[in-house]
Amino acid sequence: MKYPEITAEIERIRSKAMATSVGSKAECLDLIWRTMQESAANGPPRDVYQGAELWLKATGQLVTKQEVVTNQTIDIEWSQPVADGDE
């Protein structure tokens, strides 16, 4: 756009709308938790499993496997734990 004031105002409105529509992380986690509990009480097991998976991913307790492909050399250091008195 050729009017920077208008572009800035549009961006301000967009970011304000996005911030209010998404909610905080705590609110989202609370919604996931409540939905999962409701599914556990009333829903089919599949919904409970999907809710539990979503909860675990959202809280960082479950990481989806990802394949990493590289053509770079990776150096790995191996160390042995030090037993008491072997320092």
PDB file of N, CA and C in Angstrom:
ATOM      1  N   MET A   1       0.841  -1.189   0.000  1.00  0.00           N
ATOM      2  CA  MET A   1       0.000   0.000   0.000  1.00  0.00           C
ATOM      3  C   MET A   1       0.879   1.243   0.000  1.00  0.00           C
ATOM      4  N   LYS A   2       0.359   2.307  -0.560  1.00  0.00           N
ATOM      5  CA  LYS A   2       1.165   3.518  -0.641  1.00  0.00           C
ATOM      6  C   LYS A   2       0.985   4.454   0.538  1.00  0.00           C
ATOM      7  N   TYR A   3       0.094   4.126   1.494  1.00  0.00           N
ATOM      8  CA  TYR A   3      -0.098   4.958   2.676  1.00  0.00           C
ATOM      9  C   TYR A   3       0.367   4.193   3.913  1.00  0.00           C
ATOM     10  N   PRO A   4       1.555   4.494   4.432  1.00  0.00           N
ATOM     11  CA  PRO A   4       2.106   3.746   5.559  1.00  0.00           C
ATOM     12  C   PRO A   4       1.232   3.816   6.813  1.00  0.00           C
ATOM     13  N   GLU A   5       0.521   4.925   7.020  1.00  0.00           N
ATOM     14  CA  GLU A   5      -0.339   5.040   8.204  1.00  0.00           C
ATOM     15  C   GLU A   5      -1.477   4.010   8.146  1.00  0.00           C
ATOM     16  N   ILE A   6      -2.030   3.828   6.960  1.00  0.00           N
ATOM     17  CA  ILE A   6      -3.124   2.872   6.792  1.00  0.00           C
ATOM     18  C   ILE A   6      -2.605   1.444   6.972  1.00  0.00           C
ATOM     19  N   THR A   7      -1.450   1.163   6.390  1.00  0.00           N
ATOM     20  CA  THR A   7      -0.845  -0.166   6.545  1.00  0.00           C
ATOM     21  C   THR A   7      -0.576  -0.472   8.013  1.00  0.00           C
ATOM     22  N   ALA A   8      -0.048   0.504   8.746  1.00  0.00           N
ATOM     23  CA  ALA A   8       0.234   0.310  10.167  1.00  0.00           C
ATOM     24  C   ALA A   8      -1.046   0.078  10.962  1.00  0.00           C
ATOM     25  N   GLU A   9      -2.094   0.813  10.643  1.00  0.00           N
ATOM     26  CA  GLU A   9      -3.373   0.651  11.345  1.00  0.00           C
ATOM     27  C   GLU A   9      -3.995  -0.719  11.056  1.00  0.00           C
ATOM     28  N   ILE A  10      -3.912  -1.166   9.815  1.00  0.00           N
ATOM     29  CA  ILE A  10      -4.433  -2.495   9.468  1.00  0.00           C
ATOM     30  C   ILE A  10      -3.666  -3.571  10.244  1.00  0.00           C
ATOM     31  N   GLU A  11      -2.367  -3.447  10.310  1.00  0.00           N
ATOM     32  CA  GLU A  11      -1.553  -4.416  11.053  1.00  0.00           C
ATOM     33  C   GLU A  11      -1.886  -4.395  12.542  1.00  0.00           C
ATOM     34  N   ARG A  12      -2.107  -3.201  13.096  1.00  0.00           N
ATOM     35  CA  ARG A  12      -2.465  -3.087  14.516  1.00  0.00           C
ATOM     36  C   ARG A  12      -3.797  -3.798  14.795  1.00  0.00           C
ATOM     37  N   ILE A  13      -4.760  -3.598  13.928  1.00  0.00           N
ATOM     38  CA  ILE A  13      -6.074  -4.221  14.100  1.00  0.00           C
ATOM     39  C   ILE A  13      -5.965  -5.738  13.953  1.00  0.00           C
ATOM     40  N   ARG A  14      -5.200  -6.191  12.965  1.00  0.00           N
ATOM     41  CA  ARG A  14      -5.018  -7.639  12.778  1.00  0.00           C
ATOM     42  C   ARG A  14      -4.372  -8.283  13.996  1.00  0.00           C
ATOM     43  N   SER A  15      -3.301  -7.682  14.509  1.00  0.00           N
ATOM     44  CA  SER A  15      -2.616  -8.290  15.647  1.00  0.00           C
ATOM     45  C   SER A  15      -3.475  -8.257  16.901  1.00  0.00           C
ATOM     46  N   LYS A  16      -4.281  -7.213  17.084  1.00  0.00           N
ATOM     47  CA  LYS A  16      -5.181  -7.148  18.237  1.00  0.00           C
ATOM     48  C   LYS A  16      -6.248  -8.243  18.131  1.00  0.00           C
ATOM     49  N   ALA A  17      -6.815  -8.410  16.934  1.00  0.00           N
ATOM     50  CA  ALA A  17      -7.830  -9.444  16.736  1.00  0.00           C
ATOM     51  C   ALA A  17      -7.238 -10.832  16.940  1.00  0.00           C
ATOM     52  N   MET A  18      -6.025 -11.064  16.475  1.00  0.00           N
ATOM     53  CA  MET A  18      -5.378 -12.359  16.636  1.00  0.00           C
ATOM     54  C   MET A  18      -5.100 -12.637  18.105  1.00  0.00           C
ATOM     55  N   ALA A  19      -4.644 -11.656  18.825  1.00  0.00           N
ATOM     56  CA  ALA A  19      -4.329 -11.852  20.242  1.00  0.00           C
ATOM     57  C   ALA A  19      -5.574 -12.171  21.054  1.00  0.00           C
ATOM     58  N   THR A  20      -6.695 -11.551  20.734  1.00  0.00           N
ATOM     59  CA  THR A  20      -7.909 -11.818  21.500  1.00  0.00           C
ATOM     60  C   THR A  20      -8.611 -13.091  21.067  1.00  0.00           C
ATOM     61  N   SER A  21      -8.448 -13.505  19.819  1.00  0.00           N
ATOM     62  CA  SER A  21      -9.144 -14.704  19.359  1.00  0.00           C
ATOM     63  C   SER A  21      -8.452 -15.990  19.772  1.00  0.00           C
ATOM     64  N   VAL A  22      -7.143 -15.987  19.869  1.00  0.00           N
ATOM     65  CA  VAL A  22      -6.395 -17.196  20.179  1.00  0.00           C
ATOM     66  C   VAL A  22      -6.424 -17.490  21.670  1.00  0.00           C
ATOM     67  N   GLY A  23      -6.321 -16.501  22.506  1.00  0.00           N
ATOM     68  CA  GLY A  23      -6.281 -16.725  23.942  1.00  0.00           C
ATOM     69  C   GLY A  23      -4.868 -17.025  24.403  1.00  0.00           C
ATOM     70  N   SER A  24      -4.722 -17.084  25.702  1.00  0.00           N
ATOM     71  CA  SER A  24      -3.396 -17.341  26.239  1.00  0.00           C
ATOM     72  C   SER A  24      -3.090 -18.833  26.186  1.00  0.00           C
ATOM     73  N   LYS A  25      -1.828 -19.155  26.379  1.00  0.00           N
ATOM     74  CA  LYS A  25      -1.417 -20.562  26.390  1.00  0.00           C
ATOM     75  C   LYS A  25      -2.145 -21.301  27.505  1.00  0.00           C
ATOM     76  N   ALA A  26      -2.265 -20.680  28.657  1.00  0.00           N
ATOM     77  CA  ALA A  26      -2.951 -21.309  29.793  1.00  0.00           C
ATOM     78  C   ALA A  26      -4.413 -21.586  29.471  1.00  0.00           C
ATOM     79  N   GLU A  27      -5.073 -20.648  28.792  1.00  0.00           N
ATOM     80  CA  GLU A  27      -6.471 -20.850  28.417  1.00  0.00           C
ATOM     81  C   GLU A  27      -6.622 -22.006  27.427  1.00  0.00           C
ATOM     82  N   CYS A  28      -5.722 -22.090  26.473  1.00  0.00           N
ATOM     83  CA  CYS A  28      -5.766 -23.184  25.496  1.00  0.00           C
ATOM     84  C   CYS A  28      -5.526 -24.525  26.177  1.00  0.00           C
ATOM     85  N   LEU A  29      -4.534 -24.581  27.069  1.00  0.00           N
ATOM     86  CA  LEU A  29      -4.266 -25.828  27.789  1.00  0.00           C
ATOM     87  C   LEU A  29      -5.448 -26.212  28.672  1.00  0.00           C
ATOM     88  N   ASP A  30      -6.067 -25.229  29.293  1.00  0.00           N
ATOM     89  CA  ASP A  30      -7.241 -25.502  30.127  1.00  0.00           C
ATOM     90  C   ASP A  30      -8.379 -26.073  29.290  1.00  0.00           C
ATOM     91  N   LEU A  31      -8.593 -25.526  28.110  1.00  0.00           N
ATOM     92  CA  LEU A  31      -9.643 -26.024  27.224  1.00  0.00           C
ATOM     93  C   LEU A  31      -9.356 -27.465  26.795  1.00  0.00           C
ATOM     94  N   ILE A  32      -8.113 -27.751  26.438  1.00  0.00           N
ATOM     95  CA  ILE A  32      -7.738 -29.116  26.059  1.00  0.00           C
ATOM     96  C   ILE A  32      -7.983 -30.068  27.217  1.00  0.00           C
ATOM     97  N   TRP A  33      -7.567 -29.669  28.423  1.00  0.00           N
ATOM     98  CA  TRP A  33      -7.719 -30.530  29.602  1.00  0.00           C
ATOM     99  C   TRP A  33      -9.197 -30.811  29.902  1.00  0.00           C
ATOM    100  N   ARG A  34     -10.025 -29.758  29.886  1.00  0.00           N
ATOM    101  CA  ARG A  34     -11.455 -29.941  30.171  1.00  0.00           C
ATOM    102  C   ARG A  34     -12.134 -30.808  29.113  1.00  0.00           C
ATOM    103  N   THR A  35     -11.779 -30.608  27.859  1.00  0.00           N
ATOM    104  CA  THR A  35     -12.352 -31.408  26.782  1.00  0.00           C
ATOM    105  C   THR A  35     -11.935 -32.867  26.919  1.00  0.00           C
ATOM    106  N   MET A  36     -10.688 -33.094  27.291  1.00  0.00           N
ATOM    107  CA  MET A  36     -10.209 -34.456  27.464  1.00  0.00           C
ATOM    108  C   MET A  36     -10.941 -35.143  28.620  1.00  0.00           C
ATOM    109  N   GLN A  37     -11.147 -34.420  29.716  1.00  0.00           N
ATOM    110  CA  GLN A  37     -11.868 -34.992  30.853  1.00  0.00           C
ATOM    111  C   GLN A  37     -13.316 -35.321  30.484  1.00  0.00           C
ATOM    112  N   GLU A  38     -13.956 -34.439  29.733  1.00  0.00           N
ATOM    113  CA  GLU A  38     -15.332 -34.685  29.305  1.00  0.00           C
ATOM    114  C   GLU A  38     -15.404 -35.904  28.390  1.00  0.00           C
ATOM    115  N   SER A  39     -14.438 -36.034  27.493  1.00  0.00           N
ATOM    116  CA  SER A  39     -14.396 -37.198  26.612  1.00  0.00           C
ATOM    117  C   SER A  39     -14.195 -38.479  27.419  1.00  0.00           C
ATOM    118  N   ALA A  40     -13.358 -38.409  28.455  1.00  0.00           N
ATOM    119  CA  ALA A  40     -13.108 -39.594  29.283  1.00  0.00           C
ATOM    120  C   ALA A  40     -14.386 -40.033  29.992  1.00  0.00           C
ATOM    121  N   ALA A  41     -15.219 -39.073  30.358  1.00  0.00           N
ATOM    122  CA  ALA A  41     -16.449 -39.400  31.083  1.00  0.00           C
ATOM    123  C   ALA A  41     -17.576 -39.839  30.153  1.00  0.00           C
ATOM    124  N   ASN A  42     -17.644 -39.260  28.960  1.00  0.00           N
ATOM    125  CA  ASN A  42     -18.813 -39.477  28.101  1.00  0.00           C
ATOM    126  C   ASN A  42     -18.513 -39.973  26.690  1.00  0.00           C
ATOM    127  N   GLY A  43     -17.288 -39.873  26.263  1.00  0.00           N
ATOM    128  CA  GLY A  43     -17.009 -40.122  24.853  1.00  0.00           C
ATOM    129  C   GLY A  43     -16.432 -41.486  24.568  1.00  0.00           C
ATOM    130  N   PRO A  44     -16.279 -41.785  23.285  1.00  0.00           N
ATOM    131  CA  PRO A  44     -15.652 -43.041  22.893  1.00  0.00           C
ATOM    132  C   PRO A  44     -14.153 -43.023  23.219  1.00  0.00           C
ATOM    133  N   PRO A  45     -13.560 -44.194  23.445  1.00  0.00           N
ATOM    134  CA  PRO A  45     -12.131 -44.257  23.799  1.00  0.00           C
ATOM    135  C   PRO A  45     -11.231 -43.546  22.794  1.00  0.00           C
ATOM    136  N   ARG A  46     -11.578 -43.578  21.517  1.00  0.00           N
ATOM    137  CA  ARG A  46     -10.758 -42.913  20.491  1.00  0.00           C
ATOM    138  C   ARG A  46     -10.611 -41.425  20.796  1.00  0.00           C
ATOM    139  N   ASP A  47     -11.691 -40.770  21.221  1.00  0.00           N
ATOM    140  CA  ASP A  47     -11.632 -39.341  21.542  1.00  0.00           C
ATOM    141  C   ASP A  47     -10.750 -39.091  22.755  1.00  0.00           C
ATOM    142  N   VAL A  48     -10.810 -40.007  23.722  1.00  0.00           N
ATOM    143  CA  VAL A  48      -9.978 -39.871  24.924  1.00  0.00           C
ATOM    144  C   VAL A  48      -8.506 -39.970  24.533  1.00  0.00           C
ATOM    145  N   TYR A  49      -8.156 -40.946  23.693  1.00  0.00           N
ATOM    146  CA  TYR A  49      -6.772 -41.122  23.266  1.00  0.00           C
ATOM    147  C   TYR A  49      -6.277 -39.914  22.484  1.00  0.00           C
ATOM    148  N   GLN A  50      -7.116 -39.383  21.602  1.00  0.00           N
ATOM    149  CA  GLN A  50      -6.710 -38.212  20.824  1.00  0.00           C
ATOM    150  C   GLN A  50      -6.534 -36.992  21.723  1.00  0.00           C
ATOM    151  N   GLY A  51      -7.432 -36.841  22.713  1.00  0.00           N
ATOM    152  CA  GLY A  51      -7.297 -35.730  23.658  1.00  0.00           C
ATOM    153  C   GLY A  51      -6.033 -35.851  24.487  1.00  0.00           C
ATOM    154  N   ALA A  52      -5.725 -37.069  24.932  1.00  0.00           N
ATOM    155  CA  ALA A  52      -4.506 -37.287  25.715  1.00  0.00           C
ATOM    156  C   ALA A  52      -3.271 -36.999  24.869  1.00  0.00           C
ATOM    157  N   GLU A  53      -3.295 -37.417  23.616  1.00  0.00           N
ATOM    158  CA  GLU A  53      -2.160 -37.157  22.722  1.00  0.00           C
ATOM    159  C   GLU A  53      -1.969 -35.647  22.522  1.00  0.00           C
ATOM    160  N   LEU A  54      -3.055 -34.930  22.298  1.00  0.00           N
ATOM    161  CA  LEU A  54      -2.983 -33.486  22.120  1.00  0.00           C
ATOM    162  C   LEU A  54      -2.451 -32.806  23.380  1.00  0.00           C
ATOM    163  N   TRP A  55      -2.929 -33.247  24.552  1.00  0.00           N
ATOM    164  CA  TRP A  55      -2.464 -32.682  25.823  1.00  0.00           C
ATOM    165  C   TRP A  55      -0.960 -32.903  25.994  1.00  0.00           C
ATOM    166  N   LEU A  56      -0.513 -34.129  25.741  1.00  0.00           N
ATOM    167  CA  LEU A  56       0.911 -34.443  25.906  1.00  0.00           C
ATOM    168  C   LEU A  56       1.774 -33.648  24.932  1.00  0.00           C
ATOM    169  N   LYS A  57       1.327 -33.489  23.689  1.00  0.00           N
ATOM    170  CA  LYS A  57       2.084 -32.691  22.722  1.00  0.00           C
ATOM    171  C   LYS A  57       2.121 -31.223  23.128  1.00  0.00           C
ATOM    172  N   ALA A  58       0.983 -30.699  23.581  1.00  0.00           N
ATOM    173  CA  ALA A  58       0.899 -29.279  23.948  1.00  0.00           C
ATOM    174  C   ALA A  58       1.761 -28.954  25.155  1.00  0.00           C
ATOM    175  N   THR A  59       1.946 -29.917  26.048  1.00  0.00           N
ATOM    176  CA  THR A  59       2.761 -29.678  27.246  1.00  0.00           C
ATOM    177  C   THR A  59       4.208 -30.122  27.055  1.00  0.00           C
ATOM    178  N   GLY A  60       4.563 -30.575  25.847  1.00  0.00           N
ATOM    179  CA  GLY A  60       5.943 -30.937  25.553  1.00  0.00           C
ATOM    180  C   GLY A  60       6.359 -32.294  26.072  1.00  0.00           C
ATOM    181  N   GLN A  61       5.420 -33.119  26.468  1.00  0.00           N
ATOM    182  CA  GLN A  61       5.751 -34.430  27.008  1.00  0.00           C
ATOM    183  C   GLN A  61       5.767 -35.512  25.945  1.00  0.00           C
ATOM    184  N   LEU A  62       5.294 -35.210  24.756  1.00  0.00           N
ATOM    185  CA  LEU A  62       5.274 -36.174  23.658  1.00  0.00           C
ATOM    186  C   LEU A  62       5.783 -35.472  22.411  1.00  0.00           C
ATOM    187  N   VAL A  63       6.832 -36.004  21.849  1.00  0.00           N
ATOM    188  CA  VAL A  63       7.419 -35.410  20.656  1.00  0.00           C
ATOM    189  C   VAL A  63       7.243 -36.388  19.508  1.00  0.00           C
ATOM    190  N   THR A  64       6.714 -35.912  18.420  1.00  0.00           N
ATOM    191  CA  THR A  64       6.532 -36.741  17.238  1.00  0.00           C
ATOM    192  C   THR A  64       7.894 -37.029  16.619  1.00  0.00           C
ATOM    193  N   LYS A  65       8.097 -38.263  16.221  1.00  0.00           N
ATOM    194  CA  LYS A  65       9.371 -38.622  15.589  1.00  0.00           C
ATOM    195  C   LYS A  65       9.522 -37.858  14.287  1.00  0.00           C
ATOM    196  N   GLN A  66      10.734 -37.395  14.046  1.00  0.00           N
ATOM    197  CA  GLN A  66      11.021 -36.700  12.800  1.00  0.00           C
ATOM    198  C   GLN A  66      12.322 -37.248  12.239  1.00  0.00           C
ATOM    199  N   GLU A  67      12.329 -37.508  10.959  1.00  0.00           N
ATOM    200  CA  GLU A  67      13.536 -37.999  10.307  1.00  0.00           C
ATOM    201  C   GLU A  67      14.421 -36.806   9.967  1.00  0.00           C
ATOM    202  N   VAL A  68      15.698 -36.932  10.296  1.00  0.00           N
ATOM    203  CA  VAL A  68      16.659 -35.884   9.990  1.00  0.00           C
ATOM    204  C   VAL A  68      17.630 -36.441   8.959  1.00  0.00           C
ATOM    205  N   VAL A  69      17.730 -35.773   7.843  1.00  0.00           N
ATOM    206  CA  VAL A  69      18.622 -36.204   6.772  1.00  0.00           C
ATOM    207  C   VAL A  69      19.667 -35.114   6.581  1.00  0.00           C
ATOM    208  N   THR A  70      20.927 -35.523   6.586  1.00  0.00           N
ATOM    209  CA  THR A  70      21.998 -34.549   6.394  1.00  0.00           C
ATOM    210  C   THR A  70      23.159 -35.217   5.678  1.00  0.00           C
ATOM    211  N   ASN A  71      23.928 -34.447   4.987  1.00  0.00           N
ATOM    212  CA  ASN A  71      25.136 -34.969   4.361  1.00  0.00           C
ATOM    213  C   ASN A  71      26.373 -34.427   5.072  1.00  0.00           C
ATOM    214  N   GLN A  72      26.172 -33.850   6.251  1.00  0.00           N
ATOM    215  CA  GLN A  72      27.283 -33.310   7.026  1.00  0.00           C
ATOM    216  C   GLN A  72      27.788 -34.357   8.013  1.00  0.00           C
ATOM    217  N   THR A  73      29.059 -34.272   8.355  1.00  0.00           N
ATOM    218  CA  THR A  73      29.643 -35.158   9.351  1.00  0.00           C
ATOM    219  C   THR A  73      29.219 -34.682  10.729  1.00  0.00           C
ATOM    220  N   ILE A  74      28.821 -35.623  11.561  1.00  0.00           N
ATOM    221  CA  ILE A  74      28.397 -35.293  12.918  1.00  0.00           C
ATOM    222  C   ILE A  74      29.378 -35.930  13.889  1.00  0.00           C
ATOM    223  N   ASP A  75      30.009 -35.138  14.753  1.00  0.00           N
ATOM    224  CA  ASP A  75      30.937 -35.642  15.762  1.00  0.00           C
ATOM    225  C   ASP A  75      30.157 -35.960  17.032  1.00  0.00           C
ATOM    226  N   ILE A  76      30.383 -37.163  17.555  1.00  0.00           N
ATOM    227  CA  ILE A  76      29.716 -37.581  18.787  1.00  0.00           C
ATOM    228  C   ILE A  76      30.785 -37.901  19.823  1.00  0.00           C
ATOM    229  N   GLU A  77      30.664 -37.299  20.986  1.00  0.00           N
ATOM    230  CA  GLU A  77      31.587 -37.594  22.083  1.00  0.00           C
ATOM    231  C   GLU A  77      30.949 -38.613  23.005  1.00  0.00           C
ATOM    232  N   TRP A  78      31.704 -39.654  23.324  1.00  0.00           N
ATOM    233  CA  TRP A  78      31.225 -40.674  24.242  1.00  0.00           C
ATOM    234  C   TRP A  78      31.979 -40.514  25.543  1.00  0.00           C
ATOM    235  N   SER A  79      31.289 -40.605  26.635  1.00  0.00           N
ATOM    236  CA  SER A  79      31.956 -40.520  27.942  1.00  0.00           C
ATOM    237  C   SER A  79      31.368 -41.585  28.861  1.00  0.00           C
ATOM    238  N   GLN A  80      32.170 -42.002  29.782  1.00  0.00           N
ATOM    239  CA  GLN A  80      31.758 -42.987  30.762  1.00  0.00           C
ATOM    240  C   GLN A  80      31.450 -42.247  32.061  1.00  0.00           C
ATOM    241  N   PRO A  81      30.396 -42.642  32.780  1.00  0.00           N
ATOM    242  CA  PRO A  81      30.138 -42.011  34.063  1.00  0.00           C
ATOM    243  C   PRO A  81      31.264 -42.311  35.038  1.00  0.00           C
ATOM    244  N   VAL A  82      31.582 -41.353  35.869  1.00  0.00           N
ATOM    245  CA  VAL A  82      32.645 -41.515  36.865  1.00  0.00           C
ATOM    246  C   VAL A  82      32.062 -42.178  38.101  1.00  0.00           C
ATOM    247  N   ALA A  83      32.629 -43.317  38.490  1.00  0.00           N
ATOM    248  CA  ALA A  83      32.183 -44.007  39.696  1.00  0.00           C
ATOM    249  C   ALA A  83      32.774 -43.314  40.918  1.00  0.00           C
ATOM    250  N   ASP A  84      32.108 -43.457  42.040  1.00  0.00           N
ATOM    251  CA  ASP A  84      32.594 -42.849  43.292  1.00  0.00           C
ATOM    252  C   ASP A  84      34.009 -43.320  43.570  1.00  0.00           C
ATOM    253  N   GLY A  85      34.916 -42.404  43.814  1.00  0.00           N
ATOM    254  CA  GLY A  85      36.291 -42.715  44.175  1.00  0.00           C
ATOM    255  C   GLY A  85      37.214 -42.914  42.975  1.00  0.00           C
ATOM    256  N   ASP A  86      36.706 -42.847  41.737  1.00  0.00           N
ATOM    257  CA  ASP A  86      37.551 -43.053  40.552  1.00  0.00           C
ATOM    258  C   ASP A  86      37.977 -41.740  39.887  1.00  0.00           C
ATOM    259  N   GLU A  87      37.985 -40.672  40.599  1.00  0.00           N
ATOM    260  CA  GLU A  87      38.262 -39.376  39.976  1.00  0.00           C
ATOM    261  C   GLU A  87      39.701 -39.183  39.656  1.00  0.00           C
TER     262      GLU A  87
END
